[in-house]
Amino acid sequence: MSYICLSGVKRFKRGSGKKNFTNLSKSPHGHGKKVHPKKSGHDSSRDLSVLVLIRTIRRLTKEKVQMASEVSSMLRNQVAERASAKEEASILQAELDSRT
């Protein structure tokens, strides 16, 4: 799994269990330079991941609230329809009883 920040400068490389970062700006030999996370300072790819997670949580929370509202509305309508059907059945039963 790789994490790439927007600037494309660093990415996390999964490998032998060590947390190695590769600086995508090439060394004089044409290879990415190894950068140690503690020495490199602030890791913006982690910040990006956190921001994406926060946005996702907020979006999912809004969707959950919207869905709950829709389900609640559907249940209220269903309860009202059942009450109306019971009332109608009661009226019809009363008419039937009055005829016999």
C-alpha atoms as a PDB file:
ATOM      1  CA  MET A   1       0.000   0.000   0.000  1.00  0.00           C
ATOM      2  CA  SER A   2       1.348   3.443  -0.861  1.00  0.00           C
ATOM      3  CA  TYR A   3       0.344   6.865   0.380  1.00  0.00           C
ATOM      4  CA  ILE A   4       1.120   9.759  -1.923  1.00  0.00           C
ATOM      5  CA  CYS A   5       0.713  13.363  -0.883  1.00  0.00           C
ATOM      6  CA  LEU A   6      -0.717  15.903  -3.319  1.00  0.00           C
ATOM      7  CA  SER A   7       2.649  17.456  -4.033  1.00  0.00           C
ATOM      8  CA  GLY A   8       3.953  14.012  -4.992  1.00  0.00           C
ATOM      9  CA  VAL A   9       7.100  14.453  -2.924  1.00  0.00           C
ATOM     10  CA  LYS A  10       6.885  11.521  -0.523  1.00  0.00           C
ATOM     11  CA  ARG A  11       5.158   8.171  -0.446  1.00  0.00           C
ATOM     12  CA  PHE A  12       5.068   5.345   2.043  1.00  0.00           C
ATOM     13  CA  LYS A  13       6.507   2.108   0.732  1.00  0.00           C
ATOM     14  CA  ARG A  14       5.555  -1.212   2.287  1.00  0.00           C
ATOM     15  CA  GLY A  15       8.447  -3.570   2.406  1.00  0.00           C
ATOM     16  CA  SER A  16      10.544  -5.351   4.982  1.00  0.00           C
ATOM     17  CA  GLY A  17       8.540  -3.986   7.895  1.00  0.00           C
ATOM     18  CA  LYS A  18      10.572  -0.775   8.177  1.00  0.00           C
ATOM     19  CA  LYS A  19       8.792   2.487   7.583  1.00  0.00           C
ATOM     20  CA  ASN A  20      10.719   3.809   4.629  1.00  0.00           C
ATOM     21  CA  PHE A  21       9.767   6.802   2.602  1.00  0.00           C
ATOM     22  CA  THR A  22      10.935   7.444  -0.911  1.00  0.00           C
ATOM     23  CA  ASN A  23      11.505  10.999  -1.993  1.00  0.00           C
ATOM     24  CA  LEU A  24      10.204  11.061  -5.552  1.00  0.00           C
ATOM     25  CA  SER A  25      12.661  13.756  -6.566  1.00  0.00           C
ATOM     26  CA  LYS A  26      15.469  11.689  -8.063  1.00  0.00           C
ATOM     27  CA  SER A  27      18.965  11.421  -6.720  1.00  0.00           C
ATOM     28  CA  PRO A  28      21.904  12.064  -9.081  1.00  0.00           C
ATOM     29  CA  HIS A  29      21.877   8.313  -9.809  1.00  0.00           C
ATOM     30  CA  GLY A  30      18.254   8.353 -10.994  1.00  0.00           C
ATOM     31  CA  HIS A  31      16.849   6.574  -7.929  1.00  0.00           C
ATOM     32  CA  GLY A  32      14.443   7.900  -5.327  1.00  0.00           C
ATOM     33  CA  LYS A  33      16.174   9.037  -2.157  1.00  0.00           C
ATOM     34  CA  LYS A  34      15.315   7.218   1.074  1.00  0.00           C
ATOM     35  CA  VAL A  35      13.988   9.599   3.712  1.00  0.00           C
ATOM     36  CA  HIS A  36      13.490   8.560   7.324  1.00  0.00           C
ATOM     37  CA  PRO A  37      10.102   9.662   8.682  1.00  0.00           C
ATOM     38  CA  LYS A  38      11.492  11.079  11.934  1.00  0.00           C
ATOM     39  CA  LYS A  39      14.137  13.084  10.089  1.00  0.00           C
ATOM     40  CA  SER A  40      11.864  14.337   7.325  1.00  0.00           C
ATOM     41  CA  GLY A  41       9.719  16.502   9.597  1.00  0.00           C
ATOM     42  CA  HIS A  42       5.995  16.816   9.028  1.00  0.00           C
ATOM     43  CA  ASP A  43       4.396  14.104   6.849  1.00  0.00           C
ATOM     44  CA  SER A  44       1.710  15.777   4.750  1.00  0.00           C
ATOM     45  CA  SER A  45       0.506  12.444   3.328  1.00  0.00           C
ATOM     46  CA  ARG A  46      -0.700  11.479   6.806  1.00  0.00           C
ATOM     47  CA  ASP A  47      -2.461  14.847   7.071  1.00  0.00           C
ATOM     48  CA  LEU A  48      -4.098  14.221   3.706  1.00  0.00           C
ATOM     49  CA  SER A  49      -5.266  10.782   4.839  1.00  0.00           C
ATOM     50  CA  VAL A  50      -6.692  12.271   8.031  1.00  0.00           C
ATOM     51  CA  LEU A  51      -8.473  15.021   6.091  1.00  0.00           C
ATOM     52  CA  VAL A  52      -9.929  12.477   3.672  1.00  0.00           C
ATOM     53  CA  LEU A  53     -11.126  10.366   6.606  1.00  0.00           C
ATOM     54  CA  ILE A  54     -12.681  13.402   8.306  1.00  0.00           C
ATOM     55  CA  ARG A  55     -14.488  14.385   5.096  1.00  0.00           C
ATOM     56  CA  THR A  56     -15.668  10.806   4.619  1.00  0.00           C
ATOM     57  CA  ILE A  57     -16.944  10.603   8.204  1.00  0.00           C
ATOM     58  CA  ARG A  58     -18.805  13.907   7.806  1.00  0.00           C
ATOM     59  CA  ARG A  59     -20.334  12.813   4.491  1.00  0.00           C
ATOM     60  CA  LEU A  60     -21.373   9.437   5.892  1.00  0.00           C
ATOM     61  CA  THR A  61     -22.817  11.110   8.991  1.00  0.00           C
ATOM     62  CA  LYS A  62     -24.918  13.434   6.812  1.00  0.00           C
ATOM     63  CA  GLU A  63     -26.063  10.463   4.719  1.00  0.00           C
ATOM     64  CA  LYS A  64     -26.946   8.513   7.873  1.00  0.00           C
ATOM     65  CA  VAL A  65     -28.992  11.422   9.245  1.00  0.00           C
ATOM     66  CA  GLN A  66     -30.760  11.834   5.885  1.00  0.00           C
ATOM     67  CA  MET A  67     -31.533   8.112   5.686  1.00  0.00           C
ATOM     68  CA  ALA A  68     -32.812   8.103   9.278  1.00  0.00           C
ATOM     69  CA  SER A  69     -35.083  11.019   8.435  1.00  0.00           C
ATOM     70  CA  GLU A  70     -36.410   9.210   5.348  1.00  0.00           C
ATOM     71  CA  VAL A  71     -37.008   5.987   7.297  1.00  0.00           C
ATOM     72  CA  SER A  72     -38.747   7.923  10.065  1.00  0.00           C
ATOM     73  CA  SER A  73     -40.995   9.626   7.518  1.00  0.00           C
ATOM     74  CA  MET A  74     -41.807   6.297   5.862  1.00  0.00           C
ATOM     75  CA  LEU A  75     -42.666   4.738   9.228  1.00  0.00           C
ATOM     76  CA  ARG A  76     -44.917   7.674  10.164  1.00  0.00           C
ATOM     77  CA  ASN A  77     -46.729   7.303   6.830  1.00  0.00           C
ATOM     78  CA  GLN A  78     -47.086   3.556   7.363  1.00  0.00           C
ATOM     79  CA  VAL A  79     -48.518   4.082  10.870  1.00  0.00           C
ATOM     80  CA  ALA A  80     -50.973   6.671   9.510  1.00  0.00           C
ATOM     81  CA  GLU A  81     -52.047   4.311   6.698  1.00  0.00           C
ATOM     82  CA  ARG A  82     -52.602   1.467   9.180  1.00  0.00           C
ATOM     83  CA  ALA A  83     -54.650   3.724  11.464  1.00  0.00           C
ATOM     84  CA  SER A  84     -56.725   4.833   8.489  1.00  0.00           C
ATOM     85  CA  ALA A  85     -57.233   1.230   7.363  1.00  0.00           C
ATOM     86  CA  LYS A  86     -58.283   0.197  10.902  1.00  0.00           C
ATOM     87  CA  GLU A  87     -60.747   3.084  11.062  1.00  0.00           C
ATOM     88  CA  GLU A  88     -62.181   2.144   7.667  1.00  0.00           C
ATOM     89  CA  ALA A  89     -62.441  -1.526   8.715  1.00  0.00           C
ATOM     90  CA  SER A  90     -64.210  -0.464  11.908  1.00  0.00           C
ATOM     91  CA  ILE A  91     -66.730   1.630   9.929  1.00  0.00           C
ATOM     92  CA  LEU A  92     -67.346  -1.225   7.484  1.00  0.00           C
ATOM     93  CA  GLN A  93     -67.786  -3.674  10.375  1.00  0.00           C
ATOM     94  CA  ALA A  94     -70.308  -1.312  11.997  1.00  0.00           C
ATOM     95  CA  GLU A  95     -72.275  -1.094   8.704  1.00  0.00           C
ATOM     96  CA  LEU A  96     -72.231  -4.869   8.359  1.00  0.00           C
ATOM     97  CA  ASP A  97     -73.400  -5.322  11.950  1.00  0.00           C
ATOM     98  CA  SER A  98     -76.251  -2.831  11.431  1.00  0.00           C
ATOM     99  CA  ARG A  99     -77.518  -4.807   8.390  1.00  0.00           C
ATOM    100  CA  THR A 100     -77.752  -8.078  10.245  1.00  0.00           C
END
